[in-house]
Amino acid sequence: MKNGSIILVEDDTDDQELLVNVFESLGVPNEIQIFENGHEALLFLKQTPSQPFLIICDVNMPIMNGLELRRQINSNQLLRRKSIPFIFLSTSGEANAVIEAYELDVQGFFVKERYFEGIQYQIKQIVEYWKHCKHPNSEKQ
């Protein structure tokens, strides 16, 4: 559902604030729901009846990292069927993490740009792509 919330899984409060500012600057109307680790996000995803629009997730976080979150989503039949686009946005582009992410069927892996305009460009491209992309639950209300 293109009007669903954007799930932001990010443990760094400065990055959370920066990303919220980026979404606001772009006029993205979707609600942004922030979780500080994969465990919190997973609990929410398992409990919510809503269809989120997009998951943007950091890789390295305490309690449950982004790769483990993706693994847990893939192993849960209900969450897998929701077909929520899952994008990594991380400060680290370590080759092993990128390989593992794509083995877990993520839809993208981006290294965070260092400046506001760069991150703004990345987020704009991601949101625009998924607004126009057809996937199993893109039209459900």
Protein backbone atom coordinates (compact mmCIF):
# COMPACT_ATOMS: atom_id res chain seq x y z
CA MET A 1 0.00 0.00 0.00
CA LYS A 2 1.63 3.20 -1.16
CA ASN A 3 -0.01 5.24 1.60
CA GLY A 4 1.26 2.93 4.35
CA SER A 5 3.84 3.96 6.88
CA ILE A 6 7.56 3.98 6.29
CA ILE A 7 9.29 1.81 8.87
CA LEU A 8 12.65 3.32 9.78
CA VAL A 9 14.91 0.97 11.74
CA GLU A 10 17.84 3.04 12.95
CA ASP A 11 19.58 3.14 16.33
CA ASP A 12 21.41 6.45 15.90
CA THR A 13 19.19 9.33 17.07
CA ASP A 14 21.06 11.88 14.91
CA ASP A 15 20.44 9.73 11.82
CA GLN A 16 16.79 9.28 12.83
CA GLU A 17 16.35 13.05 13.02
CA LEU A 18 18.23 13.60 9.77
CA LEU A 19 16.11 11.06 7.91
CA VAL A 20 12.85 12.47 9.27
CA ASN A 21 14.00 15.92 8.10
CA VAL A 22 14.80 14.47 4.67
CA PHE A 23 11.34 12.90 4.35
CA GLU A 24 9.73 16.18 5.42
CA SER A 25 11.86 18.22 2.99
CA LEU A 26 10.71 15.95 0.17
CA GLY A 27 7.06 16.28 1.15
CA VAL A 28 6.69 12.53 1.66
CA PRO A 29 3.19 12.21 3.18
CA ASN A 30 3.66 8.73 4.66
CA GLU A 31 3.85 8.39 8.43
CA ILE A 32 7.39 7.59 9.59
CA GLN A 33 7.56 4.97 12.34
CA ILE A 34 10.95 4.73 14.03
CA PHE A 35 12.38 1.66 15.74
CA GLU A 36 15.80 1.57 17.37
CA ASN A 37 16.58 -2.07 16.61
CA GLY A 38 15.34 -5.00 14.61
CA HIS A 39 13.63 -6.63 17.57
CA GLU A 40 11.33 -3.64 18.14
CA ALA A 41 10.52 -3.45 14.43
CA LEU A 42 9.82 -7.19 14.23
CA LEU A 43 7.40 -7.06 17.17
CA PHE A 44 5.55 -4.19 15.52
CA LEU A 45 5.42 -5.90 12.13
CA LYS A 46 4.07 -9.10 13.66
CA GLN A 47 1.33 -7.24 15.54
CA THR A 48 0.17 -4.59 13.09
CA PRO A 49 -2.68 -5.37 10.71
CA SER A 50 -1.60 -2.45 8.50
CA GLN A 51 0.43 -2.74 5.31
CA PRO A 52 3.60 -0.64 5.59
CA PHE A 53 4.82 1.01 2.39
CA LEU A 54 8.55 0.50 2.90
CA ILE A 55 11.18 -0.63 5.42
CA ILE A 56 14.42 1.36 5.52
CA CYS A 57 16.88 -0.33 7.83
CA ASP A 58 20.39 0.13 9.15
CA VAL A 59 22.62 -2.95 9.24
CA ASN A 60 24.53 -2.56 12.51
CA MET A 61 22.28 -2.15 15.55
CA PRO A 62 22.15 -3.54 19.07
CA ILE A 63 19.81 -6.37 20.19
CA MET A 64 18.89 -7.44 16.64
CA ASN A 65 20.79 -6.16 13.61
CA GLY A 66 19.23 -5.47 10.23
CA LEU A 67 20.35 -8.73 8.65
CA GLU A 68 18.74 -10.75 11.42
CA LEU A 69 15.55 -8.67 11.09
CA ARG A 70 15.42 -9.50 7.40
CA ARG A 71 16.06 -13.18 8.17
CA GLN A 72 13.17 -13.17 10.69
CA ILE A 73 10.82 -11.48 8.20
CA ASN A 74 11.69 -14.08 5.58
CA SER A 75 11.00 -16.92 8.02
CA ASN A 76 7.55 -15.57 8.95
CA GLN A 77 4.91 -16.56 6.40
CA LEU A 78 2.56 -13.65 7.20
CA LEU A 79 5.32 -11.03 6.94
CA ARG A 80 6.75 -12.59 3.81
CA ARG A 81 3.31 -12.42 2.15
CA LYS A 82 3.03 -8.70 2.96
CA SER A 83 5.88 -8.17 0.46
CA ILE A 84 7.07 -5.00 2.17
CA PRO A 85 10.00 -3.56 0.18
CA PHE A 86 13.10 -3.81 2.39
CA ILE A 87 16.00 -1.42 1.78
CA PHE A 88 19.26 -1.21 3.70
CA LEU A 89 20.63 2.29 4.28
CA SER A 90 23.85 2.01 6.25
CA THR A 91 27.09 3.86 6.90
CA SER A 92 28.91 0.62 6.11
CA GLY A 93 29.02 -0.96 2.69
CA GLU A 94 31.11 -3.92 3.79
CA ALA A 95 31.13 -6.51 1.01
CA ASN A 96 30.09 -9.41 3.28
CA ALA A 97 27.05 -7.47 4.53
CA VAL A 98 26.02 -6.56 0.99
CA ILE A 99 26.34 -10.19 -0.15
CA GLU A 100 24.38 -11.48 2.85
CA ALA A 101 21.70 -8.81 2.38
CA TYR A 102 21.06 -9.87 -1.21
CA GLU A 103 21.09 -13.54 -0.20
CA LEU A 104 18.21 -12.50 2.08
CA ASP A 105 16.35 -11.03 -0.92
CA VAL A 106 16.50 -7.35 0.02
CA GLN A 107 15.37 -4.88 -2.61
CA GLY A 108 18.31 -2.50 -2.20
CA PHE A 109 21.45 -1.67 -0.26
CA PHE A 110 22.66 1.93 -0.08
CA VAL A 111 25.61 3.45 1.75
CA LYS A 112 24.42 6.65 3.44
CA GLU A 113 25.73 9.74 1.77
CA ARG A 114 27.65 12.08 4.05
CA TYR A 115 25.64 15.25 3.40
CA PHE A 116 21.97 16.17 3.65
CA GLU A 117 21.59 16.71 -0.11
CA GLY A 118 23.11 13.31 -0.85
CA ILE A 119 20.83 11.47 1.56
CA GLN A 120 17.90 13.51 0.28
CA TYR A 121 18.68 12.37 -3.26
CA GLN A 122 18.94 8.72 -2.14
CA ILE A 123 15.62 8.81 -0.27
CA LYS A 124 13.88 10.60 -3.15
CA GLN A 125 15.02 7.89 -5.57
CA ILE A 126 13.97 5.07 -3.23
CA VAL A 127 10.52 6.50 -2.47
CA GLU A 128 9.79 7.43 -6.09
CA TYR A 129 10.82 3.99 -7.31
CA TRP A 130 8.57 2.16 -4.85
CA LYS A 131 5.64 4.53 -5.44
CA HIS A 132 5.66 3.49 -9.09
CA CYS A 133 6.75 -0.14 -8.76
CA LYS A 134 4.21 -2.96 -8.88
CA HIS A 135 4.64 -5.69 -6.29
CA PRO A 136 2.20 -8.16 -4.70
CA ASN A 137 0.74 -5.75 -2.14
CA SER A 138 1.35 -2.40 -3.81
CA GLU A 139 -2.32 -1.79 -4.56
CA LYS A 140 -4.00 -3.23 -1.46
CA GLN A 141 -5.72 -0.76 0.83
